[in-house]
Protein backbone atom coordinates (compact mmCIF):
# COMPACT_ATOMS: atom_id res chain seq x y z
CA MET A 1 62.21 -6.57 -28.97
CA ASN A 2 65.17 -5.38 -30.99
CA MET A 3 63.85 -2.22 -32.68
CA GLU A 4 66.85 -2.00 -35.00
CA LEU A 5 66.09 -5.46 -36.38
CA LEU A 6 62.37 -4.62 -36.68
CA ASP A 7 63.18 -1.39 -38.52
CA ARG A 8 65.50 -3.27 -40.91
CA GLY A 9 62.79 -5.85 -41.57
CA ARG A 10 60.23 -3.12 -42.25
CA GLN A 11 62.64 -1.45 -44.64
CA VAL A 12 63.00 -4.68 -46.59
CA LEU A 13 59.22 -5.13 -46.65
CA ARG A 14 58.79 -1.61 -48.09
CA GLN A 15 61.12 -2.59 -50.94
CA GLN A 16 58.78 -5.41 -52.01
CA PRO A 17 56.19 -3.98 -54.42
CA PHE A 18 53.78 -6.86 -53.76
CA SER A 19 53.97 -6.30 -49.99
CA VAL A 20 53.28 -2.59 -50.53
CA LEU A 21 50.32 -3.44 -52.78
CA LEU A 22 48.87 -5.71 -50.07
CA GLU A 23 49.60 -3.07 -47.37
CA ALA A 24 51.49 -5.66 -45.32
CA GLU A 25 52.88 -4.63 -41.95
CA LEU A 26 55.69 -6.33 -40.05
CA THR A 27 54.69 -6.07 -36.38
CA VAL A 28 57.17 -8.47 -34.72
CA PHE A 29 60.62 -9.45 -35.91
CA GLU A 30 63.08 -11.25 -33.70
CA PRO A 31 65.23 -14.36 -34.11
CA GLY A 32 62.89 -17.26 -34.73
CA ARG A 33 59.70 -15.18 -34.69
CA ALA A 34 57.94 -12.83 -37.06
CA GLU A 35 54.40 -11.51 -37.35
CA LEU A 36 52.94 -9.84 -40.39
CA ARG A 37 49.50 -8.32 -40.74
CA LEU A 38 47.31 -7.49 -43.69
CA PRO A 39 44.27 -5.28 -43.56
CA ILE A 40 41.35 -7.41 -44.70
CA ARG A 41 39.95 -5.59 -47.69
CA HIS A 42 37.29 -6.63 -50.16
CA GLU A 43 39.96 -7.03 -52.85
CA LEU A 44 41.69 -9.75 -50.79
CA LYS A 45 38.59 -11.92 -50.43
CA GLN A 46 37.35 -14.75 -52.60
CA GLN A 47 33.80 -15.11 -53.89
CA HIS A 48 32.45 -16.51 -50.59
CA GLY A 49 33.76 -13.58 -48.56
CA PHE A 50 36.76 -15.33 -46.98
CA VAL A 51 40.33 -14.06 -47.26
CA HIS A 52 41.85 -15.58 -50.39
CA GLY A 53 44.31 -18.43 -49.87
CA GLY A 54 46.89 -16.51 -51.85
CA ALA A 55 46.89 -13.75 -49.23
CA VAL A 56 47.22 -16.32 -46.43
CA SER A 57 50.05 -18.06 -48.29
CA TYR A 58 51.80 -14.72 -48.79
CA LEU A 59 51.72 -14.11 -45.03
CA ALA A 60 53.01 -17.60 -44.25
CA ASP A 61 55.80 -17.35 -46.83
CA ASN A 62 57.06 -13.99 -45.64
CA ALA A 63 56.69 -14.76 -41.93
CA LEU A 64 58.70 -17.97 -42.35
CA THR A 65 61.35 -16.10 -44.31
CA TYR A 66 61.65 -13.39 -41.66
CA ALA A 67 61.58 -15.84 -38.75
CA GLY A 68 64.45 -17.69 -40.39
CA GLU A 69 66.31 -14.34 -40.61
CA LYS A 70 66.85 -14.72 -44.33
CA LEU A 71 65.69 -11.43 -45.75
CA CYS A 72 66.56 -12.32 -49.33
CA ALA A 73 65.30 -15.89 -49.56
CA THR A 74 61.94 -17.54 -49.90
CA ALA A 75 60.44 -20.11 -47.59
CA GLN A 76 59.00 -23.36 -48.79
CA GLY A 77 56.08 -25.02 -47.12
CA THR A 78 52.62 -26.39 -47.45
CA ILE A 79 49.45 -24.57 -46.49
CA ALA A 80 46.69 -26.99 -45.53
CA PRO A 81 43.36 -25.40 -44.59
CA LEU A 82 41.61 -26.99 -41.64
CA GLY A 83 38.19 -26.09 -42.96
CA ALA A 84 36.00 -23.11 -43.62
CA PRO A 85 35.72 -20.58 -40.80
CA SER A 86 32.48 -20.28 -38.94
CA PRO A 87 30.33 -17.18 -39.63
CA SER A 88 31.59 -15.61 -36.39
CA GLU A 89 35.18 -15.81 -37.69
CA THR A 90 34.56 -13.88 -40.89
């Protein structure tokens, strides 16, 4: 992994107030691949105890943007849930 690229990506993430608020962490950043993580906190859950779709969409949007190596653009896509997670997945 290119640590210089990862460090640059993390620097950009720290400049995004919303990413800081969510405590997002960029863990992998290389051409064509990016992984972001969020700590699952009570504040990020919906009324049934699952992570809110807005938090999931945030992760998808930023990961797609990073993977496309466009640090100043937004990604467009559709998030389609496959169904509710089982109790063991929550």
